[in-house]
C-alpha atoms as a PDB file:
ATOM      1  CA  UNK A   1       0.000   0.000   0.000  1.00  0.00           C
ATOM      2  CA  UNK A   2       2.816   2.361   0.684  1.00  0.00           C
ATOM      3  CA  UNK A   3       4.161   1.820  -2.825  1.00  0.00           C
ATOM      4  CA  UNK A   4       0.778   2.650  -4.239  1.00  0.00           C
ATOM      5  CA  UNK A   5       0.566   5.773  -2.165  1.00  0.00           C
ATOM      6  CA  UNK A   6       4.118   6.779  -3.108  1.00  0.00           C
ATOM      7  CA  UNK A   7       3.334   6.115  -6.745  1.00  0.00           C
ATOM      8  CA  UNK A   8       0.123   8.130  -6.496  1.00  0.00           C
ATOM      9  CA  UNK A   9       1.942  10.912  -4.661  1.00  0.00           C
ATOM     10  CA  UNK A  10       4.651  10.919  -7.349  1.00  0.00           C
ATOM     11  CA  UNK A  11       1.993  11.141 -10.078  1.00  0.00           C
ATOM     12  CA  UNK A  12       0.273  13.985  -8.243  1.00  0.00           C
ATOM     13  CA  UNK A  13       3.573  15.866  -7.918  1.00  0.00           C
ATOM     14  CA  UNK A  14       4.245  15.330 -11.647  1.00  0.00           C
ATOM     15  CA  UNK A  15       0.795  16.669 -12.515  1.00  0.00           C
ATOM     16  CA  UNK A  16       1.288  19.597 -10.154  1.00  0.00           C
ATOM     17  CA  UNK A  17       4.697  20.398 -11.690  1.00  0.00           C
ATOM     18  CA  UNK A  18       3.197  20.186 -15.175  1.00  0.00           C
ATOM     19  CA  UNK A  19       0.330  22.489 -14.180  1.00  0.00           C
ATOM     20  CA  UNK A  20       2.711  25.022 -12.616  1.00  0.00           C
ATOM     21  CA  UNK A  21       5.015  25.045 -15.663  1.00  0.00           C
ATOM     22  CA  UNK A  22       2.018  25.263 -18.004  1.00  0.00           C
ATOM     23  CA  UNK A  23       0.521  28.114 -15.991  1.00  0.00           C
ATOM     24  CA  UNK A  24       3.759  30.099 -16.055  1.00  0.00           C
ATOM     25  CA  UNK A  25       4.192  29.444 -19.785  1.00  0.00           C
ATOM     26  CA  UNK A  26       0.655  30.618 -20.550  1.00  0.00           C
ATOM     27  CA  UNK A  27       1.113  33.680 -18.327  1.00  0.00           C
ATOM     28  CA  UNK A  28       4.331  34.516 -20.217  1.00  0.00           C
ATOM     29  CA  UNK A  29       2.608  34.095 -23.585  1.00  0.00           C
ATOM     30  CA  UNK A  30      -0.323  36.196 -22.382  1.00  0.00           C
ATOM     31  CA  UNK A  31       1.965  38.957 -21.114  1.00  0.00           C
ATOM     32  CA  UNK A  32       3.911  38.975 -24.402  1.00  0.00           C
ATOM     33  CA  UNK A  33       0.704  39.105 -26.455  1.00  0.00           C
ATOM     34  CA  UNK A  34      -0.458  42.122 -24.438  1.00  0.00           C
ATOM     35  CA  UNK A  35       2.947  43.853 -24.431  1.00  0.00           C
ATOM     36  CA  UNK A  36       3.685  43.472 -28.157  1.00  0.00           C
ATOM     37  CA  UNK A  37       0.910  45.794 -29.438  1.00  0.00           C
ATOM     38  CA  UNK A  38       1.795  48.358 -26.765  1.00  0.00           C
ATOM     39  CA  UNK A  39       5.457  48.340 -27.785  1.00  0.00           C
ATOM     40  CA  UNK A  40       4.673  48.196 -31.519  1.00  0.00           C
ATOM     41  CA  UNK A  41       2.398  51.253 -31.353  1.00  0.00           C
ATOM     42  CA  UNK A  42       5.395  53.328 -30.237  1.00  0.00           C
ATOM     43  CA  UNK A  43       6.993  52.961 -33.699  1.00  0.00           C
ATOM     44  CA  UNK A  44       6.534  55.944 -36.018  1.00  0.00           C
ATOM     45  CA  UNK A  45       3.460  55.850 -38.228  1.00  0.00           C
ATOM     46  CA  UNK A  46       3.846  55.146 -41.951  1.00  0.00           C
ATOM     47  CA  UNK A  47       2.945  58.741 -42.853  1.00  0.00           C
ATOM     48  CA  UNK A  48       5.661  60.003 -40.500  1.00  0.00           C
ATOM     49  CA  UNK A  49       8.246  57.691 -42.031  1.00  0.00           C
ATOM     50  CA  UNK A  50       7.219  58.871 -45.487  1.00  0.00           C
ATOM     51  CA  UNK A  51       7.990  62.450 -44.470  1.00  0.00           C
ATOM     52  CA  UNK A  52      11.409  61.536 -43.085  1.00  0.00           C
ATOM     53  CA  UNK A  53      12.984  62.043 -46.500  1.00  0.00           C
ATOM     54  CA  UNK A  54      11.934  63.387 -49.864  1.00  0.00           C
ATOM     55  CA  UNK A  55      13.459  63.326 -53.322  1.00  0.00           C
ATOM     56  CA  UNK A  56      13.437  66.426 -55.503  1.00  0.00           C
ATOM     57  CA  UNK A  57      14.052  66.526 -59.257  1.00  0.00           C
ATOM     58  CA  UNK A  58      15.996  69.668 -60.151  1.00  0.00           C
ATOM     59  CA  UNK A  59      16.144  69.101 -63.912  1.00  0.00           C
ATOM     60  CA  UNK A  60      13.356  71.603 -64.675  1.00  0.00           C
ATOM     61  CA  UNK A  61      14.909  74.311 -62.512  1.00  0.00           C
ATOM     62  CA  UNK A  62      16.648  76.965 -64.608  1.00  0.00           C
ATOM     63  CA  UNK A  63      19.278  79.420 -63.346  1.00  0.00           C
ATOM     64  CA  UNK A  64      17.704  81.987 -61.066  1.00  0.00           C
ATOM     65  CA  UNK A  65      14.593  79.886 -60.400  1.00  0.00           C
ATOM     66  CA  UNK A  66      13.565  78.521 -57.020  1.00  0.00           C
ATOM     67  CA  UNK A  67      11.097  75.942 -55.757  1.00  0.00           C
ATOM     68  CA  UNK A  68       9.671  75.213 -52.345  1.00  0.00           C
ATOM     69  CA  UNK A  69       9.095  71.618 -51.238  1.00  0.00           C
ATOM     70  CA  UNK A  70       7.746  70.326 -47.962  1.00  0.00           C
ATOM     71  CA  UNK A  71       9.907  68.144 -45.747  1.00  0.00           C
ATOM     72  CA  UNK A  72       8.899  67.144 -42.209  1.00  0.00           C
ATOM     73  CA  UNK A  73       6.133  69.714 -42.355  1.00  0.00           C
ATOM     74  CA  UNK A  74       8.526  72.575 -43.086  1.00  0.00           C
ATOM     75  CA  UNK A  75       9.131  74.487 -46.306  1.00  0.00           C
ATOM     76  CA  UNK A  76      12.489  73.783 -47.919  1.00  0.00           C
ATOM     77  CA  UNK A  77      13.848  76.354 -50.364  1.00  0.00           C
ATOM     78  CA  UNK A  78      15.822  75.060 -53.330  1.00  0.00           C
ATOM     79  CA  UNK A  79      17.326  77.695 -55.602  1.00  0.00           C
ATOM     80  CA  UNK A  80      19.377  77.234 -58.776  1.00  0.00           C
ATOM     81  CA  UNK A  81      21.808  80.069 -58.286  1.00  0.00           C
ATOM     82  CA  UNK A  82      23.182  82.176 -61.105  1.00  0.00           C
ATOM     83  CA  UNK A  83      26.955  82.609 -61.509  1.00  0.00           C
ATOM     84  CA  UNK A  84      26.532  86.165 -60.183  1.00  0.00           C
ATOM     85  CA  UNK A  85      24.746  84.906 -57.036  1.00  0.00           C
ATOM     86  CA  UNK A  86      27.477  82.304 -56.468  1.00  0.00           C
ATOM     87  CA  UNK A  87      30.164  84.970 -56.903  1.00  0.00           C
ATOM     88  CA  UNK A  88      28.437  87.334 -54.444  1.00  0.00           C
ATOM     89  CA  UNK A  89      27.974  84.537 -51.884  1.00  0.00           C
ATOM     90  CA  UNK A  90      31.674  83.632 -52.029  1.00  0.00           C
ATOM     91  CA  UNK A  91      32.997  87.204 -51.853  1.00  0.00           C
ATOM     92  CA  UNK A  92      31.373  88.087 -48.524  1.00  0.00           C
ATOM     93  CA  UNK A  93      33.722  88.771 -45.638  1.00  0.00           C
ATOM     94  CA  UNK A  94      33.025  86.533 -42.660  1.00  0.00           C
ATOM     95  CA  UNK A  95      33.868  89.467 -40.384  1.00  0.00           C
ATOM     96  CA  UNK A  96      30.568  91.083 -41.438  1.00  0.00           C
ATOM     97  CA  UNK A  97      28.470  88.110 -40.277  1.00  0.00           C
ATOM     98  CA  UNK A  98      26.626  87.359 -37.075  1.00  0.00           C
ATOM     99  CA  UNK A  99      26.781  83.593 -37.723  1.00  0.00           C
ATOM    100  CA  UNK A 100      29.924  83.194 -39.874  1.00  0.00           C
ATOM    101  CA  UNK A 101      29.874  80.328 -42.375  1.00  0.00           C
ATOM    102  CA  UNK A 102      31.481  80.199 -45.798  1.00  0.00           C
ATOM    103  CA  UNK A 103      29.362  79.472 -48.827  1.00  0.00           C
ATOM    104  CA  UNK A 104      31.319  76.237 -49.340  1.00  0.00           C
ATOM    105  CA  UNK A 105      30.221  75.016 -45.888  1.00  0.00           C
ATOM    106  CA  UNK A 106      26.572  75.546 -46.804  1.00  0.00           C
ATOM    107  CA  UNK A 107      26.351  73.899 -50.234  1.00  0.00           C
ATOM    108  CA  UNK A 108      27.184  70.521 -51.735  1.00  0.00           C
ATOM    109  CA  UNK A 109      26.923  71.716 -55.322  1.00  0.00           C
ATOM    110  CA  UNK A 110      27.507  75.475 -55.635  1.00  0.00           C
ATOM    111  CA  UNK A 111      24.795  75.799 -58.297  1.00  0.00           C
ATOM    112  CA  UNK A 112      22.059  74.810 -55.843  1.00  0.00           C
ATOM    113  CA  UNK A 113      21.336  76.132 -52.376  1.00  0.00           C
ATOM    114  CA  UNK A 114      19.018  74.012 -50.184  1.00  0.00           C
ATOM    115  CA  UNK A 115      17.640  75.638 -47.018  1.00  0.00           C
ATOM    116  CA  UNK A 116      14.885  75.089 -44.481  1.00  0.00           C
ATOM    117  CA  UNK A 117      12.659  78.087 -45.223  1.00  0.00           C
ATOM    118  CA  UNK A 118      11.950  79.077 -41.640  1.00  0.00           C
ATOM    119  CA  UNK A 119      13.302  82.331 -40.201  1.00  0.00           C
ATOM    120  CA  UNK A 120      15.509  81.619 -37.226  1.00  0.00           C
ATOM    121  CA  UNK A 121      14.048  84.545 -35.288  1.00  0.00           C
ATOM    122  CA  UNK A 122      10.439  83.527 -34.657  1.00  0.00           C
ATOM    123  CA  UNK A 123       9.722  80.840 -37.258  1.00  0.00           C
ATOM    124  CA  UNK A 124       8.167  82.933 -40.046  1.00  0.00           C
ATOM    125  CA  UNK A 125       8.583  81.924 -43.705  1.00  0.00           C
ATOM    126  CA  UNK A 126      10.825  84.466 -45.468  1.00  0.00           C
ATOM    127  CA  UNK A 127      10.034  85.935 -48.883  1.00  0.00           C
ATOM    128  CA  UNK A 128      12.364  85.490 -51.831  1.00  0.00           C
ATOM    129  CA  UNK A 129      11.329  82.277 -53.538  1.00  0.00           C
ATOM    130  CA  UNK A 130       9.050  83.818 -56.170  1.00  0.00           C
ATOM    131  CA  UNK A 131      10.389  86.074 -58.905  1.00  0.00           C
ATOM    132  CA  UNK A 132       8.331  89.058 -57.699  1.00  0.00           C
ATOM    133  CA  UNK A 133       9.151  88.656 -53.996  1.00  0.00           C
ATOM    134  CA  UNK A 134      11.199  91.155 -52.053  1.00  0.00           C
ATOM    135  CA  UNK A 135      14.569  89.481 -51.594  1.00  0.00           C
ATOM    136  CA  UNK A 136      15.953  91.886 -49.018  1.00  0.00           C
ATOM    137  CA  UNK A 137      19.010  94.085 -49.011  1.00  0.00           C
ATOM    138  CA  UNK A 138      21.379  91.190 -49.812  1.00  0.00           C
ATOM    139  CA  UNK A 139      19.397  89.525 -52.619  1.00  0.00           C
ATOM    140  CA  UNK A 140      18.586  86.276 -50.846  1.00  0.00           C
ATOM    141  CA  UNK A 141      15.527  86.120 -48.611  1.00  0.00           C
ATOM    142  CA  UNK A 142      13.672  88.668 -46.522  1.00  0.00           C
ATOM    143  CA  UNK A 143      11.460  88.033 -43.499  1.00  0.00           C
ATOM    144  CA  UNK A 144       8.954  90.914 -43.446  1.00  0.00           C
ATOM    145  CA  UNK A 145       7.664  90.107 -39.950  1.00  0.00           C
ATOM    146  CA  UNK A 146      10.697  91.520 -38.156  1.00  0.00           C
ATOM    147  CA  UNK A 147      13.048  92.563 -40.953  1.00  0.00           C
ATOM    148  CA  UNK A 148      15.651  89.798 -41.167  1.00  0.00           C
ATOM    149  CA  UNK A 149      17.732  89.912 -44.363  1.00  0.00           C
ATOM    150  CA  UNK A 150      19.513  86.792 -45.686  1.00  0.00           C
ATOM    151  CA  UNK A 151      22.065  86.631 -48.496  1.00  0.00           C
ATOM    152  CA  UNK A 152      22.387  84.248 -51.493  1.00  0.00           C
ATOM    153  CA  UNK A 153      23.713  81.552 -49.176  1.00  0.00           C
ATOM    154  CA  UNK A 154      20.952  81.917 -46.572  1.00  0.00           C
ATOM    155  CA  UNK A 155      23.234  83.619 -44.064  1.00  0.00           C
ATOM    156  CA  UNK A 156      21.763  86.234 -41.735  1.00  0.00           C
ATOM    157  CA  UNK A 157      23.107  89.673 -42.618  1.00  0.00           C
ATOM    158  CA  UNK A 158      20.698  92.140 -41.007  1.00  0.00           C
ATOM    159  CA  UNK A 159      17.786  92.023 -38.577  1.00  0.00           C
ATOM    160  CA  UNK A 160      16.937  90.171 -35.371  1.00  0.00           C
ATOM    161  CA  UNK A 161      17.446  86.559 -36.553  1.00  0.00           C
ATOM    162  CA  UNK A 162      20.255  85.029 -34.474  1.00  0.00           C
ATOM    163  CA  UNK A 163      21.478  82.380 -36.924  1.00  0.00           C
ATOM    164  CA  UNK A 164      21.593  81.514 -40.619  1.00  0.00           C
ATOM    165  CA  UNK A 165      18.779  79.637 -42.321  1.00  0.00           C
ATOM    166  CA  UNK A 166      19.229  75.955 -41.544  1.00  0.00           C
ATOM    167  CA  UNK A 167      20.750  73.683 -44.180  1.00  0.00           C
ATOM    168  CA  UNK A 168      18.969  70.313 -43.981  1.00  0.00           C
ATOM    169  CA  UNK A 169      20.875  67.096 -44.489  1.00  0.00           C
ATOM    170  CA  UNK A 170      20.697  66.296 -48.188  1.00  0.00           C
ATOM    171  CA  UNK A 171      22.641  64.464 -50.856  1.00  0.00           C
ATOM    172  CA  UNK A 172      22.735  64.397 -54.628  1.00  0.00           C
ATOM    173  CA  UNK A 173      21.533  61.006 -55.897  1.00  0.00           C
ATOM    174  CA  UNK A 174      22.387  62.090 -59.453  1.00  0.00           C
ATOM    175  CA  UNK A 175      23.180  65.371 -61.200  1.00  0.00           C
ATOM    176  CA  UNK A 176      19.546  66.475 -61.029  1.00  0.00           C
ATOM    177  CA  UNK A 177      18.001  64.583 -58.081  1.00  0.00           C
ATOM    178  CA  UNK A 178      18.539  65.349 -54.428  1.00  0.00           C
ATOM    179  CA  UNK A 179      17.340  63.442 -51.398  1.00  0.00           C
ATOM    180  CA  UNK A 180      16.508  65.624 -48.406  1.00  0.00           C
ATOM    181  CA  UNK A 181      16.595  63.903 -45.027  1.00  0.00           C
END
């Protein structure tokens, strides 16, 4: 009888161990199935990822023309500069600048300037992209809200803006296509 009781007790312990292991395994699976959607929802949405970078075809842009594209919800100014604009941007003395940067530091290809079109003073959108716009005292961009003047390289030259127009990260994928972001 004692062997039967030991055998029964051993079977009961085996069942109990199986139930405990099964319970923990199911609890782990349940916790993972609840946690996964919560963690996955923290990833950026598809529309946000789509805005992370944008490609721009510059082939239709003639010298002196500019376009504005949207990247990350901000306007980005792309201007095909004339040889005169390039010359003026390179000749500027850095001693005259509030935020000194050479033109070479601000462009990848000197023919094209790519800038985030948001004034660094209070976030207004400067004028200067359209052919009839006021381009300011230095021929680049002009923010009429508080009078900031930018040159052909997007550098602050006059007015309350503390820094130059931002140059976004961009690269030339070919001679006429750039990828911003």
